[in-house]
């Protein structure tokens, strides 16, 4: 069972989930709306988050494939690990 932490800080947040993200969720909906969907247990909330996450996964694996083809896998690994440490 996964418990989502639904705080009120997103209730009035009218920005996309991730600034600059070009996925359907981020271009068409805002944090406050997705928050509302999750608080009211609407299925669309989970679907929008799934679309957002899939866009990021697909982008990651596309970049990984390009790094392998371009023989830049070590650079890609270092960039990913550097980003993770910055979180």
C-alpha atoms as a PDB file:
ATOM      1  CA  UNK A   1       0.000   0.000   0.000  1.00  0.00           C
ATOM      2  CA  UNK A   2       1.409   3.362  -1.020  1.00  0.00           C
ATOM      3  CA  UNK A   3       0.395   6.382   1.003  1.00  0.00           C
ATOM      4  CA  UNK A   4       0.575   9.738  -0.746  1.00  0.00           C
ATOM      5  CA  UNK A   5       1.450  12.768   1.331  1.00  0.00           C
ATOM      6  CA  UNK A   6      -1.144  15.278   0.190  1.00  0.00           C
ATOM      7  CA  UNK A   7      -0.347  18.562   1.874  1.00  0.00           C
ATOM      8  CA  UNK A   8      -2.143  21.808   1.327  1.00  0.00           C
ATOM      9  CA  UNK A   9       0.941  23.496  -0.102  1.00  0.00           C
ATOM     10  CA  UNK A  10      -0.117  22.527  -3.653  1.00  0.00           C
ATOM     11  CA  UNK A  11      -3.717  23.588  -3.179  1.00  0.00           C
ATOM     12  CA  UNK A  12      -3.086  27.073  -4.590  1.00  0.00           C
ATOM     13  CA  UNK A  13      -0.027  26.297  -6.715  1.00  0.00           C
ATOM     14  CA  UNK A  14      -0.865  27.154 -10.310  1.00  0.00           C
ATOM     15  CA  UNK A  15       2.448  26.090 -11.815  1.00  0.00           C
ATOM     16  CA  UNK A  16       3.025  22.897 -13.836  1.00  0.00           C
ATOM     17  CA  UNK A  17       4.312  19.866 -11.960  1.00  0.00           C
ATOM     18  CA  UNK A  18       7.820  20.497 -13.312  1.00  0.00           C
ATOM     19  CA  UNK A  19       8.767  23.830 -14.881  1.00  0.00           C
ATOM     20  CA  UNK A  20       9.886  23.322 -18.477  1.00  0.00           C
ATOM     21  CA  UNK A  21       8.458  19.796 -18.773  1.00  0.00           C
ATOM     22  CA  UNK A  22       6.744  19.264 -22.123  1.00  0.00           C
ATOM     23  CA  UNK A  23       4.571  16.298 -21.102  1.00  0.00           C
ATOM     24  CA  UNK A  24       0.779  16.429 -21.451  1.00  0.00           C
ATOM     25  CA  UNK A  25       0.236  16.783 -17.709  1.00  0.00           C
ATOM     26  CA  UNK A  26       2.600  19.727 -17.313  1.00  0.00           C
ATOM     27  CA  UNK A  27       1.445  21.553 -20.437  1.00  0.00           C
ATOM     28  CA  UNK A  28      -2.296  21.172 -19.812  1.00  0.00           C
ATOM     29  CA  UNK A  29      -2.716  21.015 -16.013  1.00  0.00           C
ATOM     30  CA  UNK A  30      -1.394  22.676 -12.893  1.00  0.00           C
ATOM     31  CA  UNK A  31      -0.309  21.404  -9.484  1.00  0.00           C
ATOM     32  CA  UNK A  32      -3.474  22.677  -7.794  1.00  0.00           C
ATOM     33  CA  UNK A  33      -5.686  20.687 -10.165  1.00  0.00           C
ATOM     34  CA  UNK A  34      -3.657  17.494  -9.833  1.00  0.00           C
ATOM     35  CA  UNK A  35      -3.714  18.002  -6.048  1.00  0.00           C
ATOM     36  CA  UNK A  36      -7.503  18.329  -6.155  1.00  0.00           C
ATOM     37  CA  UNK A  37      -7.794  15.143  -8.213  1.00  0.00           C
ATOM     38  CA  UNK A  38      -5.631  13.204  -5.771  1.00  0.00           C
ATOM     39  CA  UNK A  39      -7.411  14.528  -2.652  1.00  0.00           C
ATOM     40  CA  UNK A  40     -10.804  13.588  -4.099  1.00  0.00           C
ATOM     41  CA  UNK A  41      -9.525  10.172  -5.233  1.00  0.00           C
ATOM     42  CA  UNK A  42     -10.284  10.846  -8.880  1.00  0.00           C
ATOM     43  CA  UNK A  43      -8.661   8.313 -11.192  1.00  0.00           C
ATOM     44  CA  UNK A  44      -7.527  11.069 -13.534  1.00  0.00           C
ATOM     45  CA  UNK A  45      -5.000  12.242 -10.919  1.00  0.00           C
ATOM     46  CA  UNK A  46      -3.106   8.962 -11.075  1.00  0.00           C
ATOM     47  CA  UNK A  47      -3.355   8.863 -14.853  1.00  0.00           C
ATOM     48  CA  UNK A  48      -1.876  12.345 -15.201  1.00  0.00           C
ATOM     49  CA  UNK A  49       0.980  11.472 -12.844  1.00  0.00           C
ATOM     50  CA  UNK A  50       1.582   8.261 -14.784  1.00  0.00           C
ATOM     51  CA  UNK A  51       1.773  10.216 -18.057  1.00  0.00           C
ATOM     52  CA  UNK A  52       4.213  12.660 -16.481  1.00  0.00           C
ATOM     53  CA  UNK A  53       6.409   9.877 -15.083  1.00  0.00           C
ATOM     54  CA  UNK A  54       6.353   7.931 -18.355  1.00  0.00           C
ATOM     55  CA  UNK A  55       7.497  11.017 -20.255  1.00  0.00           C
ATOM     56  CA  UNK A  56      10.476  11.292 -17.909  1.00  0.00           C
ATOM     57  CA  UNK A  57      11.287   7.570 -18.139  1.00  0.00           C
ATOM     58  CA  UNK A  58      11.112   7.655 -21.935  1.00  0.00           C
ATOM     59  CA  UNK A  59      13.323  10.740 -22.048  1.00  0.00           C
ATOM     60  CA  UNK A  60      15.850   9.093 -19.735  1.00  0.00           C
ATOM     61  CA  UNK A  61      16.056   5.918 -21.794  1.00  0.00           C
ATOM     62  CA  UNK A  62      16.248   7.877 -25.057  1.00  0.00           C
ATOM     63  CA  UNK A  63      19.217   9.805 -23.665  1.00  0.00           C
ATOM     64  CA  UNK A  64      20.753   6.532 -22.454  1.00  0.00           C
ATOM     65  CA  UNK A  65      20.419   4.929 -25.897  1.00  0.00           C
ATOM     66  CA  UNK A  66      21.948   8.012 -27.541  1.00  0.00           C
ATOM     67  CA  UNK A  67      24.862   7.917 -25.077  1.00  0.00           C
ATOM     68  CA  UNK A  68      25.490   4.251 -25.865  1.00  0.00           C
ATOM     69  CA  UNK A  69      25.369   4.815 -29.630  1.00  0.00           C
ATOM     70  CA  UNK A  70      27.599   7.895 -29.332  1.00  0.00           C
ATOM     71  CA  UNK A  71      30.088   6.103 -27.045  1.00  0.00           C
ATOM     72  CA  UNK A  72      29.419   8.641 -24.267  1.00  0.00           C
ATOM     73  CA  UNK A  73      28.064   6.250 -21.632  1.00  0.00           C
ATOM     74  CA  UNK A  74      30.613   7.267 -18.981  1.00  0.00           C
ATOM     75  CA  UNK A  75      29.736  10.957 -19.436  1.00  0.00           C
ATOM     76  CA  UNK A  76      26.040  10.108 -19.198  1.00  0.00           C
ATOM     77  CA  UNK A  77      26.608   8.091 -16.020  1.00  0.00           C
ATOM     78  CA  UNK A  78      28.573  10.923 -14.415  1.00  0.00           C
ATOM     79  CA  UNK A  79      25.895  13.453 -15.358  1.00  0.00           C
ATOM     80  CA  UNK A  80      23.110  11.275 -13.913  1.00  0.00           C
ATOM     81  CA  UNK A  81      25.010  10.588 -10.692  1.00  0.00           C
ATOM     82  CA  UNK A  82      25.893  14.275 -10.341  1.00  0.00           C
ATOM     83  CA  UNK A  83      22.213  15.255 -10.700  1.00  0.00           C
ATOM     84  CA  UNK A  84      21.196  12.638  -8.144  1.00  0.00           C
ATOM     85  CA  UNK A  85      23.733  13.924  -5.604  1.00  0.00           C
ATOM     86  CA  UNK A  86      22.396  17.462  -6.082  1.00  0.00           C
ATOM     87  CA  UNK A  87      18.869  16.466  -4.942  1.00  0.00           C
END
